[in-house]
Amino acid sequence: MGKPKTLIQAKDLGRIEVSRRVVATIAGHAAAGCYGVVGMAARGLRDGLAERLHRDNMHRGVEVEVREDGIAIALYVIVEFGTRVSEVANNLTSAVRYAVERTLGLPVVEVSVNVQGIHVSGSG
């Protein structure tokens, strides 16, 4: 059996189905707005290069796993050179958890941050 494509939340009057891509889009936009994050990166590195994703496909930089106890999210990001990666990761974890739980009302049990690259701004 494959991975479920939707998250289902039973309610008194019916049920709500949310695709994993919707969760990934919410998480990607929340992550992209965090200090120190230059952008989302594609999950698979080709030739050791992190590809920066455009705003319309940021969901590709997020993996969503549906578990019995809630949602697990893996983020693939590119951070700005000179920022403290541990602080950026902590901010990402909080922001993504808050955005997904607030928007969908579903528990987020894990947020993992995978730094795929460092962006060095041009000087001058």
PDB file of N, CA and C in Angstrom:
ATOM      1  N   MET A   1       0.839  -1.180   0.000  1.00  0.00           N
ATOM      2  CA  MET A   1       0.000   0.000   0.000  1.00  0.00           C
ATOM      3  C   MET A   1       0.883   1.242   0.000  1.00  0.00           C
ATOM      4  N   GLY A   2       0.572   2.240  -0.837  1.00  0.00           N
ATOM      5  CA  GLY A   2       1.373   3.457  -0.944  1.00  0.00           C
ATOM      6  C   GLY A   2       1.054   4.460   0.143  1.00  0.00           C
ATOM      7  N   LYS A   3       1.745   5.577   0.072  1.00  0.00           N
ATOM      8  CA  LYS A   3       1.523   6.644   1.037  1.00  0.00           C
ATOM      9  C   LYS A   3       0.166   7.286   0.792  1.00  0.00           C
ATOM     10  N   PRO A   4      -0.581   7.630   1.861  1.00  0.00           N
ATOM     11  CA  PRO A   4      -1.848   8.318   1.649  1.00  0.00           C
ATOM     12  C   PRO A   4      -1.605   9.683   1.021  1.00  0.00           C
ATOM     13  N   LYS A   5      -2.449  10.025   0.041  1.00  0.00           N
ATOM     14  CA  LYS A   5      -2.295  11.294  -0.650  1.00  0.00           C
ATOM     15  C   LYS A   5      -3.007  12.421   0.066  1.00  0.00           C
ATOM     16  N   THR A   6      -3.919  12.052   0.952  1.00  0.00           N
ATOM     17  CA  THR A   6      -4.670  13.082   1.658  1.00  0.00           C
ATOM     18  C   THR A   6      -4.679  12.820   3.151  1.00  0.00           C
ATOM     19  N   LEU A   7      -4.889  13.900   3.881  1.00  0.00           N
ATOM     20  CA  LEU A   7      -5.084  13.816   5.319  1.00  0.00           C
ATOM     21  C   LEU A   7      -6.575  13.947   5.542  1.00  0.00           C
ATOM     22  N   ILE A   8      -7.140  13.101   6.343  1.00  0.00           N
ATOM     23  CA  ILE A   8      -8.577  13.138   6.553  1.00  0.00           C
ATOM     24  C   ILE A   8      -8.850  13.447   8.012  1.00  0.00           C
ATOM     25  N   GLN A   9      -9.723  14.418   8.205  1.00  0.00           N
ATOM     26  CA  GLN A   9     -10.117  14.800   9.549  1.00  0.00           C
ATOM     27  C   GLN A   9     -11.631  14.634   9.632  1.00  0.00           C
ATOM     28  N   ALA A  10     -12.087  13.708  10.464  1.00  0.00           N
ATOM     29  CA  ALA A  10     -13.517  13.456  10.602  1.00  0.00           C
ATOM     30  C   ALA A  10     -14.155  14.520  11.484  1.00  0.00           C
ATOM     31  N   LYS A  11     -15.297  15.009  11.047  1.00  0.00           N
ATOM     32  CA  LYS A  11     -16.070  16.002  11.797  1.00  0.00           C
ATOM     33  C   LYS A  11     -17.483  15.463  11.977  1.00  0.00           C
ATOM     34  N   ASP A  12     -18.277  16.132  12.809  1.00  0.00           N
ATOM     35  CA  ASP A  12     -19.647  15.690  13.057  1.00  0.00           C
ATOM     36  C   ASP A  12     -20.489  15.658  11.783  1.00  0.00           C
ATOM     37  N   LEU A  13     -20.308  16.634  10.912  1.00  0.00           N
ATOM     38  CA  LEU A  13     -21.140  16.741   9.717  1.00  0.00           C
ATOM     39  C   LEU A  13     -20.492  16.167   8.462  1.00  0.00           C
ATOM     40  N   GLY A  14     -19.347  15.588   8.590  1.00  0.00           N
ATOM     41  CA  GLY A  14     -18.655  15.043   7.423  1.00  0.00           C
ATOM     42  C   GLY A  14     -17.175  14.922   7.684  1.00  0.00           C
ATOM     43  N   ARG A  15     -16.415  15.087   6.621  1.00  0.00           N
ATOM     44  CA  ARG A  15     -14.970  14.985   6.779  1.00  0.00           C
ATOM     45  C   ARG A  15     -14.280  16.021   5.905  1.00  0.00           C
ATOM     46  N   ILE A  16     -13.052  16.321   6.276  1.00  0.00           N
ATOM     47  CA  ILE A  16     -12.236  17.280   5.542  1.00  0.00           C
ATOM     48  C   ILE A  16     -11.028  16.523   5.014  1.00  0.00           C
ATOM     49  N   GLU A  17     -10.789  16.629   3.710  1.00  0.00           N
ATOM     50  CA  GLU A  17      -9.621  15.998   3.102  1.00  0.00           C
ATOM     51  C   GLU A  17      -8.666  17.082   2.623  1.00  0.00           C
ATOM     52  N   VAL A  18      -7.402  16.938   2.984  1.00  0.00           N
ATOM     53  CA  VAL A  18      -6.369  17.893   2.593  1.00  0.00           C
ATOM     54  C   VAL A  18      -5.223  17.104   1.960  1.00  0.00           C
ATOM     55  N   SER A  19      -4.823  17.501   0.757  1.00  0.00           N
ATOM     56  CA  SER A  19      -3.737  16.773   0.094  1.00  0.00           C
ATOM     57  C   SER A  19      -2.397  17.093   0.760  1.00  0.00           C
ATOM     58  N   ARG A  20      -1.477  16.162   0.637  1.00  0.00           N
ATOM     59  CA  ARG A  20      -0.134  16.381   1.183  1.00  0.00           C
ATOM     60  C   ARG A  20       0.528  17.566   0.500  1.00  0.00           C
ATOM     61  N   ARG A  21       0.191  17.819  -0.771  1.00  0.00           N
ATOM     62  CA  ARG A  21       0.767  18.959  -1.488  1.00  0.00           C
ATOM     63  C   ARG A  21       0.317  20.282  -0.866  1.00  0.00           C
ATOM     64  N   VAL A  22      -0.911  20.343  -0.393  1.00  0.00           N
ATOM     65  CA  VAL A  22      -1.396  21.556   0.277  1.00  0.00           C
ATOM     66  C   VAL A  22      -0.595  21.799   1.549  1.00  0.00           C
ATOM     67  N   VAL A  23      -0.373  20.750   2.322  1.00  0.00           N
ATOM     68  CA  VAL A  23       0.435  20.877   3.539  1.00  0.00           C
ATOM     69  C   VAL A  23       1.839  21.351   3.174  1.00  0.00           C
ATOM     70  N   ALA A  24       2.413  20.779   2.126  1.00  0.00           N
ATOM     71  CA  ALA A  24       3.761  21.160   1.693  1.00  0.00           C
ATOM     72  C   ALA A  24       3.814  22.613   1.236  1.00  0.00           C
ATOM     73  N   THR A  25       2.778  23.084   0.560  1.00  0.00           N
ATOM     74  CA  THR A  25       2.736  24.475   0.105  1.00  0.00           C
ATOM     75  C   THR A  25       2.660  25.430   1.286  1.00  0.00           C
ATOM     76  N   ILE A  26       1.824  25.113   2.264  1.00  0.00           N
ATOM     77  CA  ILE A  26       1.717  25.947   3.472  1.00  0.00           C
ATOM     78  C   ILE A  26       3.063  25.995   4.185  1.00  0.00           C
ATOM     79  N   ALA A  27       3.680  24.833   4.362  1.00  0.00           N
ATOM     80  CA  ALA A  27       4.973  24.762   5.046  1.00  0.00           C
ATOM     81  C   ALA A  27       6.054  25.504   4.267  1.00  0.00           C
ATOM     82  N   GLY A  28       6.074  25.358   2.954  1.00  0.00           N
ATOM     83  CA  GLY A  28       7.076  26.023   2.119  1.00  0.00           C
ATOM     84  C   GLY A  28       6.985  27.535   2.187  1.00  0.00           C
ATOM     85  N   HIS A  29       5.767  28.061   2.148  1.00  0.00           N
ATOM     86  CA  HIS A  29       5.600  29.513   2.225  1.00  0.00           C
ATOM     87  C   HIS A  29       5.958  30.041   3.613  1.00  0.00           C
ATOM     88  N   ALA A  30       5.609  29.290   4.657  1.00  0.00           N
ATOM     89  CA  ALA A  30       5.985  29.701   6.015  1.00  0.00           C
ATOM     90  C   ALA A  30       7.504  29.702   6.167  1.00  0.00           C
ATOM     91  N   ALA A  31       8.153  28.691   5.631  1.00  0.00           N
ATOM     92  CA  ALA A  31       9.611  28.586   5.731  1.00  0.00           C
ATOM     93  C   ALA A  31      10.306  29.693   4.957  1.00  0.00           C
ATOM     94  N   ALA A  32       9.806  29.995   3.770  1.00  0.00           N
ATOM     95  CA  ALA A  32      10.444  31.012   2.926  1.00  0.00           C
ATOM     96  C   ALA A  32      10.395  32.396   3.561  1.00  0.00           C
ATOM     97  N   GLY A  33       9.448  32.611   4.462  1.00  0.00           N
ATOM     98  CA  GLY A  33       9.332  33.901   5.128  1.00  0.00           C
ATOM     99  C   GLY A  33      10.206  34.048   6.359  1.00  0.00           C
ATOM    100  N   CYS A  34      10.939  33.020   6.722  1.00  0.00           N
ATOM    101  CA  CYS A  34      11.769  33.065   7.926  1.00  0.00           C
ATOM    102  C   CYS A  34      13.101  33.769   7.666  1.00  0.00           C
ATOM    103  N   TYR A  35      13.567  34.482   8.681  1.00  0.00           N
ATOM    104  CA  TYR A  35      14.859  35.163   8.615  1.00  0.00           C
ATOM    105  C   TYR A  35      15.966  34.146   8.372  1.00  0.00           C
ATOM    106  N   GLY A  36      16.852  34.473   7.456  1.00  0.00           N
ATOM    107  CA  GLY A  36      18.000  33.623   7.174  1.00  0.00           C
ATOM    108  C   GLY A  36      17.770  32.606   6.077  1.00  0.00           C
ATOM    109  N   VAL A  37      16.510  32.418   5.680  1.00  0.00           N
ATOM    110  CA  VAL A  37      16.201  31.468   4.616  1.00  0.00           C
ATOM    111  C   VAL A  37      16.185  32.215   3.288  1.00  0.00           C
ATOM    112  N   VAL A  38      17.048  31.798   2.381  1.00  0.00           N
ATOM    113  CA  VAL A  38      17.111  32.410   1.055  1.00  0.00           C
ATOM    114  C   VAL A  38      16.049  31.798   0.156  1.00  0.00           C
ATOM    115  N   GLY A  39      15.779  30.518   0.345  1.00  0.00           N
ATOM    116  CA  GLY A  39      14.763  29.849  -0.458  1.00  0.00           C
ATOM    117  C   GLY A  39      14.691  28.375  -0.132  1.00  0.00           C
ATOM    118  N   MET A  40      13.750  27.732  -0.782  1.00  0.00           N
ATOM    119  CA  MET A  40      13.589  26.296  -0.637  1.00  0.00           C
ATOM    120  C   MET A  40      14.447  25.624  -1.706  1.00  0.00           C
ATOM    121  N   ALA A  41      14.908  24.430  -1.399  1.00  0.00           N
ATOM    122  CA  ALA A  41      15.746  23.673  -2.338  1.00  0.00           C
ATOM    123  C   ALA A  41      15.022  22.398  -2.736  1.00  0.00           C
ATOM    124  N   ALA A  42      15.274  21.946  -3.942  1.00  0.00           N
ATOM    125  CA  ALA A  42      14.716  20.674  -4.379  1.00  0.00           C
ATOM    126  C   ALA A  42      15.260  19.573  -3.471  1.00  0.00           C
ATOM    127  N   ARG A  43      14.447  18.576  -3.196  1.00  0.00           N
ATOM    128  CA  ARG A  43      14.831  17.521  -2.258  1.00  0.00           C
ATOM    129  C   ARG A  43      16.042  16.730  -2.697  1.00  0.00           C
ATOM    130  N   GLY A  44      16.157  16.417  -3.953  1.00  0.00           N
ATOM    131  CA  GLY A  44      17.292  15.627  -4.428  1.00  0.00           C
ATOM    132  C   GLY A  44      18.377  16.528  -4.983  1.00  0.00           C
ATOM    133  N   LEU A  45      19.567  16.386  -4.449  1.00  0.00           N
ATOM    134  CA  LEU A  45      20.684  17.177  -4.969  1.00  0.00           C
ATOM    135  C   LEU A  45      21.241  16.513  -6.218  1.00  0.00           C
ATOM    136  N   ARG A  46      21.428  17.309  -7.254  1.00  0.00           N
ATOM    137  CA  ARG A  46      22.060  16.816  -8.473  1.00  0.00           C
ATOM    138  C   ARG A  46      23.458  17.399  -8.542  1.00  0.00           C
ATOM    139  N   ASP A  47      24.433  16.542  -8.661  1.00  0.00           N
ATOM    140  CA  ASP A  47      25.829  16.969  -8.768  1.00  0.00           C
ATOM    141  C   ASP A  47      26.249  17.848  -7.597  1.00  0.00           C
ATOM    142  N   GLY A  48      25.636  17.648  -6.433  1.00  0.00           N
ATOM    143  CA  GLY A  48      26.006  18.409  -5.250  1.00  0.00           C
ATOM    144  C   GLY A  48      25.539  19.853  -5.258  1.00  0.00           C
ATOM    145  N   LEU A  49      24.668  20.224  -6.205  1.00  0.00           N
ATOM    146  CA  LEU A  49      24.202  21.603  -6.293  1.00  0.00           C
ATOM    147  C   LEU A  49      22.768  21.707  -5.803  1.00  0.00           C
ATOM    148  N   ALA A  50      22.505  22.680  -4.948  1.00  0.00           N
ATOM    149  CA  ALA A  50      21.153  22.922  -4.466  1.00  0.00           C
ATOM    150  C   ALA A  50      20.468  23.881  -5.430  1.00  0.00           C
ATOM    151  N   GLU A  51      19.344  23.458  -5.958  1.00  0.00           N
ATOM    152  CA  GLU A  51      18.573  24.287  -6.884  1.00  0.00           C
ATOM    153  C   GLU A  51      17.551  25.099  -6.093  1.00  0.00           C
ATOM    154  N   ARG A  52      17.603  26.408  -6.230  1.00  0.00           N
ATOM    155  CA  ARG A  52      16.659  27.278  -5.530  1.00  0.00           C
ATOM    156  C   ARG A  52      15.330  27.273  -6.275  1.00  0.00           C
ATOM    157  N   LEU A  53      14.251  26.999  -5.553  1.00  0.00           N
ATOM    158  CA  LEU A  53      12.939  26.879  -6.164  1.00  0.00           C
ATOM    159  C   LEU A  53      12.225  28.220  -6.213  1.00  0.00           C
ATOM    160  N   HIS A  54      11.390  28.390  -7.214  1.00  0.00           N
ATOM    161  CA  HIS A  54      10.573  29.595  -7.339  1.00  0.00           C
ATOM    162  C   HIS A  54       9.357  29.479  -6.424  1.00  0.00           C
ATOM    163  N   ARG A  55       8.708  30.607  -6.150  1.00  0.00           N
ATOM    164  CA  ARG A  55       7.585  30.643  -5.215  1.00  0.00           C
ATOM    165  C   ARG A  55       6.438  29.713  -5.609  1.00  0.00           C
ATOM    166  N   ASP A  56       6.233  29.496  -6.893  1.00  0.00           N
ATOM    167  CA  ASP A  56       5.098  28.673  -7.304  1.00  0.00           C
ATOM    168  C   ASP A  56       5.346  27.165  -7.171  1.00  0.00           C
ATOM    169  N   ASN A  57       6.564  26.749  -6.879  1.00  0.00           N
ATOM    170  CA  ASN A  57       6.818  25.317  -6.693  1.00  0.00           C
ATOM    171  C   ASN A  57       7.626  25.021  -5.434  1.00  0.00           C
ATOM    172  N   MET A  58       7.428  25.841  -4.404  1.00  0.00           N
ATOM    173  CA  MET A  58       8.151  25.621  -3.147  1.00  0.00           C
ATOM    174  C   MET A  58       7.762  24.321  -2.461  1.00  0.00           C
ATOM    175  N   HIS A  59       6.593  23.787  -2.789  1.00  0.00           N
ATOM    176  CA  HIS A  59       6.179  22.518  -2.188  1.00  0.00           C
ATOM    177  C   HIS A  59       7.176  21.406  -2.501  1.00  0.00           C
ATOM    178  N   ARG A  60       7.948  21.570  -3.578  1.00  0.00           N
ATOM    179  CA  ARG A  60       8.938  20.549  -3.927  1.00  0.00           C
ATOM    180  C   ARG A  60      10.091  20.501  -2.932  1.00  0.00           C
ATOM    181  N   GLY A  61      10.250  21.517  -2.120  1.00  0.00           N
ATOM    182  CA  GLY A  61      11.293  21.541  -1.107  1.00  0.00           C
ATOM    183  C   GLY A  61      10.811  21.050   0.248  1.00  0.00           C
ATOM    184  N   VAL A  62       9.662  20.379   0.243  1.00  0.00           N
ATOM    185  CA  VAL A  62       9.053  19.909   1.489  1.00  0.00           C
ATOM    186  C   VAL A  62       8.559  18.481   1.291  1.00  0.00           C
ATOM    187  N   GLU A  63       8.827  17.638   2.273  1.00  0.00           N
ATOM    188  CA  GLU A  63       8.258  16.287   2.294  1.00  0.00           C
ATOM    189  C   GLU A  63       7.268  16.219   3.443  1.00  0.00           C
ATOM    190  N   VAL A  64       6.129  15.617   3.187  1.00  0.00           N
ATOM    191  CA  VAL A  64       5.094  15.474   4.208  1.00  0.00           C
ATOM    192  C   VAL A  64       4.824  13.994   4.411  1.00  0.00           C
ATOM    193  N   GLU A  65       4.869  13.576   5.663  1.00  0.00           N
ATOM    194  CA  GLU A  65       4.564  12.190   6.013  1.00  0.00           C
ATOM    195  C   GLU A  65       3.378  12.192   6.969  1.00  0.00           C
ATOM    196  N   VAL A  66       2.391  11.383   6.649  1.00  0.00           N
ATOM    197  CA  VAL A  66       1.213  11.269   7.498  1.00  0.00           C
ATOM    198  C   VAL A  66       1.432  10.107   8.457  1.00  0.00           C
ATOM    199  N   ARG A  67       1.341  10.403   9.745  1.00  0.00           N
ATOM    200  CA  ARG A  67       1.498   9.372  10.777  1.00  0.00           C
ATOM    201  C   ARG A  67       0.204   9.277  11.574  1.00  0.00           C
ATOM    202  N   GLU A  68       0.096   8.243  12.374  1.00  0.00           N
ATOM    203  CA  GLU A  68      -1.109   8.089  13.195  1.00  0.00           C
ATOM    204  C   GLU A  68      -1.275   9.231  14.181  1.00  0.00           C
ATOM    205  N   ASP A  69      -0.152   9.740  14.699  1.00  0.00           N
ATOM    206  CA  ASP A  69      -0.227  10.784  15.723  1.00  0.00           C
ATOM    207  C   ASP A  69      -0.164  12.197  15.149  1.00  0.00           C
ATOM    208  N   GLY A  70      -0.015  12.346  13.833  1.00  0.00           N
ATOM    209  CA  GLY A  70       0.032  13.684  13.245  1.00  0.00           C
ATOM    210  C   GLY A  70       0.881  13.718  11.983  1.00  0.00           C
ATOM    211  N   ILE A  71       1.338  14.916  11.653  1.00  0.00           N
ATOM    212  CA  ILE A  71       2.082  15.154  10.417  1.00  0.00           C
ATOM    213  C   ILE A  71       3.560  15.350  10.726  1.00  0.00           C
ATOM    214  N   ALA A  72       4.423  14.721   9.938  1.00  0.00           N
ATOM    215  CA  ALA A  72       5.865  14.952  10.021  1.00  0.00           C
ATOM    216  C   ALA A  72       6.271  15.686   8.743  1.00  0.00           C
ATOM    217  N   ILE A  73       7.053  16.748   8.908  1.00  0.00           N
ATOM    218  CA  ILE A  73       7.447  17.592   7.786  1.00  0.00           C
ATOM    219  C   ILE A  73       8.965  17.672   7.723  1.00  0.00           C
ATOM    220  N   ALA A  74       9.516  17.486   6.534  1.00  0.00           N
ATOM    221  CA  ALA A  74      10.952  17.662   6.300  1.00  0.00           C
ATOM    222  C   ALA A  74      11.120  18.827   5.335  1.00  0.00           C
ATOM    223  N   LEU A  75      11.930  19.811   5.733  1.00  0.00           N
ATOM    224  CA  LEU A  75      12.182  21.002   4.926  1.00  0.00           C
ATOM    225  C   LEU A  75      13.573  20.928   4.325  1.00  0.00           C
ATOM    226  N   TYR A  76      13.712  21.358   3.089  1.00  0.00           N
ATOM    227  CA  TYR A  76      14.992  21.412   2.391  1.00  0.00           C
ATOM    228  C   TYR A  76      15.213  22.868   2.006  1.00  0.00           C
ATOM    229  N   VAL A  77      16.175  23.516   2.672  1.00  0.00           N
ATOM    230  CA  VAL A  77      16.322  24.965   2.539  1.00  0.00           C
ATOM    231  C   VAL A  77      17.735  25.381   2.144  1.00  0.00           C
ATOM    232  N   ILE A  78      17.815  26.619   1.675  1.00  0.00           N
ATOM    233  CA  ILE A  78      19.092  27.282   1.422  1.00  0.00           C
ATOM    234  C   ILE A  78      19.122  28.479   2.360  1.00  0.00           C
ATOM    235  N   VAL A  79      20.192  28.596   3.146  1.00  0.00           N
ATOM    236  CA  VAL A  79      20.284  29.688   4.119  1.00  0.00           C
ATOM    237  C   VAL A  79      21.339  30.705   3.692  1.00  0.00           C
ATOM    238  N   GLU A  80      21.198  31.887   4.246  1.00  0.00           N
ATOM    239  CA  GLU A  80      22.120  32.987   3.951  1.00  0.00           C
ATOM    240  C   GLU A  80      23.424  32.790   4.720  1.00  0.00           C
ATOM    241  N   PHE A  81      24.544  33.009   4.044  1.00  0.00           N
ATOM    242  CA  PHE A  81      25.852  32.933   4.686  1.00  0.00           C
ATOM    243  C   PHE A  81      25.918  33.967   5.809  1.00  0.00           C
ATOM    244  N   GLY A  82      26.471  33.580   6.930  1.00  0.00           N
ATOM    245  CA  GLY A  82      26.638  34.488   8.055  1.00  0.00           C
ATOM    246  C   GLY A  82      25.532  34.391   9.089  1.00  0.00           C
ATOM    247  N   THR A  83      24.458  33.679   8.775  1.00  0.00           N
ATOM    248  CA  THR A  83      23.404  33.490   9.772  1.00  0.00           C
ATOM    249  C   THR A  83      23.729  32.253  10.595  1.00  0.00           C
ATOM    250  N   ARG A  84      23.256  32.237  11.813  1.00  0.00           N
ATOM    251  CA  ARG A  84      23.472  31.081  12.684  1.00  0.00           C
ATOM    252  C   ARG A  84      22.463  29.998  12.301  1.00  0.00           C
ATOM    253  N   VAL A  85      22.953  28.915  11.756  1.00  0.00           N
ATOM    254  CA  VAL A  85      22.089  27.869  11.216  1.00  0.00           C
ATOM    255  C   VAL A  85      21.167  27.295  12.293  1.00  0.00           C
ATOM    256  N   SER A  86      21.660  27.128  13.506  1.00  0.00           N
ATOM    257  CA  SER A  86      20.814  26.569  14.569  1.00  0.00           C
ATOM    258  C   SER A  86      19.632  27.486  14.885  1.00  0.00           C
ATOM    259  N   GLU A  87      19.844  28.794  14.863  1.00  0.00           N
ATOM    260  CA  GLU A  87      18.743  29.739  15.096  1.00  0.00           C
ATOM    261  C   GLU A  87      17.753  29.716  13.950  1.00  0.00           C
ATOM    262  N   VAL A  88      18.263  29.680  12.738  1.00  0.00           N
ATOM    263  CA  VAL A  88      17.388  29.611  11.566  1.00  0.00           C
ATOM    264  C   VAL A  88      16.537  28.341  11.646  1.00  0.00           C
ATOM    265  N   ALA A  89      17.144  27.218  11.986  1.00  0.00           N
ATOM    266  CA  ALA A  89      16.419  25.948  12.087  1.00  0.00           C
ATOM    267  C   ALA A  89      15.351  25.999  13.171  1.00  0.00           C
ATOM    268  N   ASN A  90      15.675  26.586  14.324  1.00  0.00           N
ATOM    269  CA  ASN A  90      14.679  26.716  15.394  1.00  0.00           C
ATOM    270  C   ASN A  90      13.516  27.594  14.960  1.00  0.00           C
ATOM    271  N   ASN A  91      13.820  28.714  14.289  1.00  0.00           N
ATOM    272  CA  ASN A  91      12.761  29.596  13.796  1.00  0.00           C
ATOM    273  C   ASN A  91      11.897  28.892  12.752  1.00  0.00           C
ATOM    274  N   LEU A  92      12.541  28.149  11.860  1.00  0.00           N
ATOM    275  CA  LEU A  92      11.805  27.396  10.843  1.00  0.00           C
ATOM    276  C   LEU A  92      10.848  26.394  11.473  1.00  0.00           C
ATOM    277  N   THR A  93      11.350  25.651  12.442  1.00  0.00           N
ATOM    278  CA  THR A  93      10.533  24.644  13.108  1.00  0.00           C
ATOM    279  C   THR A  93       9.290  25.271  13.720  1.00  0.00           C
ATOM    280  N   SER A  94       9.472  26.366  14.446  1.00  0.00           N
ATOM    281  CA  SER A  94       8.340  27.037  15.095  1.00  0.00           C
ATOM    282  C   SER A  94       7.365  27.619  14.081  1.00  0.00           C
ATOM    283  N   ALA A  95       7.887  28.308  13.069  1.00  0.00           N
ATOM    284  CA  ALA A  95       7.029  28.976  12.086  1.00  0.00           C
ATOM    285  C   ALA A  95       6.212  27.973  11.274  1.00  0.00           C
ATOM    286  N   VAL A  96       6.839  26.895  10.856  1.00  0.00           N
ATOM    287  CA  VAL A  96       6.140  25.898  10.046  1.00  0.00           C
ATOM    288  C   VAL A  96       5.100  25.163  10.882  1.00  0.00           C
ATOM    289  N   ARG A  97       5.468  24.765  12.080  1.00  0.00           N
ATOM    290  CA  ARG A  97       4.510  24.084  12.959  1.00  0.00           C
ATOM    291  C   ARG A  97       3.293  24.980  13.202  1.00  0.00           C
ATOM    292  N   TYR A  98       3.539  26.248  13.525  1.00  0.00           N
ATOM    293  CA  TYR A  98       2.451  27.186  13.792  1.00  0.00           C
ATOM    294  C   TYR A  98       1.560  27.359  12.562  1.00  0.00           C
ATOM    295  N   ALA A  99       2.155  27.575  11.391  1.00  0.00           N
ATOM    296  CA  ALA A  99       1.379  27.827  10.169  1.00  0.00           C
ATOM    297  C   ALA A  99       0.498  26.635   9.803  1.00  0.00           C
ATOM    298  N   VAL A 100       1.049  25.442   9.858  1.00  0.00           N
ATOM    299  CA  VAL A 100       0.283  24.255   9.480  1.00  0.00           C
ATOM    300  C   VAL A 100      -0.810  23.967  10.505  1.00  0.00           C
ATOM    301  N   GLU A 101      -0.470  24.013  11.791  1.00  0.00           N
ATOM    302  CA  GLU A 101      -1.474  23.731  12.818  1.00  0.00           C
ATOM    303  C   GLU A 101      -2.579  24.780  12.817  1.00  0.00           C
ATOM    304  N   ARG A 102      -2.206  26.038  12.634  1.00  0.00           N
ATOM    305  CA  ARG A 102      -3.199  27.123  12.637  1.00  0.00           C
ATOM    306  C   ARG A 102      -4.100  27.038  11.407  1.00  0.00           C
ATOM    307  N   THR A 103      -3.532  26.751  10.265  1.00  0.00           N
ATOM    308  CA  THR A 103      -4.299  26.713   9.025  1.00  0.00           C
ATOM    309  C   THR A 103      -5.184  25.477   8.924  1.00  0.00           C
ATOM    310  N   LEU A 104      -4.655  24.325   9.292  1.00  0.00           N
ATOM    311  CA  LEU A 104      -5.368  23.072   9.081  1.00  0.00           C
ATOM    312  C   LEU A 104      -5.978  22.466  10.336  1.00  0.00           C
ATOM    313  N   GLY A 105      -5.502  22.879  11.498  1.00  0.00           N
ATOM    314  CA  GLY A 105      -6.012  22.297  12.733  1.00  0.00           C
ATOM    315  C   GLY A 105      -5.554  20.867  12.946  1.00  0.00           C
ATOM    316  N   LEU A 106      -4.478  20.480  12.271  1.00  0.00           N
ATOM    317  CA  LEU A 106      -3.930  19.133  12.415  1.00  0.00           C
ATOM    318  C   LEU A 106      -2.599  19.209  13.155  1.00  0.00           C
ATOM    319  N   PRO A 107      -2.320  18.246  14.044  1.00  0.00           N
ATOM    320  CA  PRO A 107      -1.075  18.310  14.815  1.00  0.00           C
ATOM    321  C   PRO A 107       0.164  18.011  13.970  1.00  0.00           C
ATOM    322  N   VAL A 108       1.194  18.804  14.185  1.00  0.00           N
ATOM    323  CA  VAL A 108       2.497  18.566  13.563  1.00  0.00           C
ATOM    324  C   VAL A 108       3.382  17.954  14.639  1.00  0.00           C
ATOM    325  N   VAL A 109       3.822  16.726  14.420  1.00  0.00           N
ATOM    326  CA  VAL A 109       4.595  16.015  15.437  1.00  0.00           C
ATOM    327  C   VAL A 109       6.096  16.124  15.227  1.00  0.00           C
ATOM    328  N   GLU A 110       6.509  16.515  14.014  1.00  0.00           N
ATOM    329  CA  GLU A 110       7.941  16.628  13.745  1.00  0.00           C
ATOM    330  C   GLU A 110       8.183  17.580  12.582  1.00  0.00           C
ATOM    331  N   VAL A 111       9.191  18.436  12.745  1.00  0.00           N
ATOM    332  CA  VAL A 111       9.673  19.271  11.646  1.00  0.00           C
ATOM    333  C   VAL A 111      11.182  19.104  11.609  1.00  0.00           C
ATOM    334  N   SER A 112      11.695  18.557  10.525  1.00  0.00           N
ATOM    335  CA  SER A 112      13.144  18.424  10.398  1.00  0.00           C
ATOM    336  C   SER A 112      13.628  19.390   9.327  1.00  0.00           C
ATOM    337  N   VAL A 113      14.783  19.983   9.581  1.00  0.00           N
ATOM    338  CA  VAL A 113      15.352  20.990   8.686  1.00  0.00           C
ATOM    339  C   VAL A 113      16.623  20.422   8.064  1.00  0.00           C
ATOM    340  N   ASN A 114      16.669  20.417   6.750  1.00  0.00           N
ATOM    341  CA  ASN A 114      17.822  19.935   5.996  1.00  0.00           C
ATOM    342  C   ASN A 114      18.392  21.107   5.208  1.00  0.00           C
ATOM    343  N   VAL A 115      19.572  21.565   5.591  1.00  0.00           N
ATOM    344  CA  VAL A 115      20.203  22.687   4.892  1.00  0.00           C
ATOM    345  C   VAL A 115      20.909  22.116   3.666  1.00  0.00           C
ATOM    346  N   GLN A 116      20.425  22.504   2.489  1.00  0.00           N
ATOM    347  CA  GLN A 116      20.947  21.980   1.232  1.00  0.00           C
ATOM    348  C   GLN A 116      22.002  22.884   0.610  1.00  0.00           C
ATOM    349  N   GLY A 117      22.099  24.124   1.123  1.00  0.00           N
ATOM    350  CA  GLY A 117      23.078  25.038   0.556  1.00  0.00           C
ATOM    351  C   GLY A 117      23.179  26.320   1.358  1.00  0.00           C
ATOM    352  N   ILE A 118      24.248  27.056   1.113  1.00  0.00           N
ATOM    353  CA  ILE A 118      24.497  28.360   1.728  1.00  0.00           C
ATOM    354  C   ILE A 118      24.607  29.369   0.590  1.00  0.00           C
ATOM    355  N   HIS A 119      23.890  30.473   0.716  1.00  0.00           N
ATOM    356  CA  HIS A 119      23.934  31.525  -0.302  1.00  0.00           C
ATOM    357  C   HIS A 119      24.833  32.648   0.187  1.00  0.00           C
ATOM    358  N   VAL A 120      25.814  33.004  -0.616  1.00  0.00           N
ATOM    359  CA  VAL A 120      26.715  34.107  -0.293  1.00  0.00           C
ATOM    360  C   VAL A 120      26.317  35.285  -1.168  1.00  0.00           C
ATOM    361  N   SER A 121      25.876  36.370  -0.531  1.00  0.00           N
ATOM    362  CA  SER A 121      25.483  37.565  -1.281  1.00  0.00           C
ATOM    363  C   SER A 121      26.706  38.201  -1.906  1.00  0.00           C
ATOM    364  N   GLY A 122      26.516  38.787  -3.076  1.00  0.00           N
ATOM    365  CA  GLY A 122      27.619  39.485  -3.738  1.00  0.00           C
ATOM    366  C   GLY A 122      28.010  40.717  -2.946  1.00  0.00           C
ATOM    367  N   SER A 123      29.286  40.989  -2.820  1.00  0.00           N
ATOM    368  CA  SER A 123      29.734  42.174  -2.082  1.00  0.00           C
ATOM    369  C   SER A 123      29.874  43.333  -3.047  1.00  0.00           C
ATOM    370  N   GLY A 124      29.554  44.513  -2.533  1.00  0.00           N
ATOM    371  CA  GLY A 124      29.744  45.683  -3.362  1.00  0.00           C
ATOM    372  C   GLY A 124      28.558  46.434  -3.559  1.00  0.00           C
TER     373      GLY A 124
END
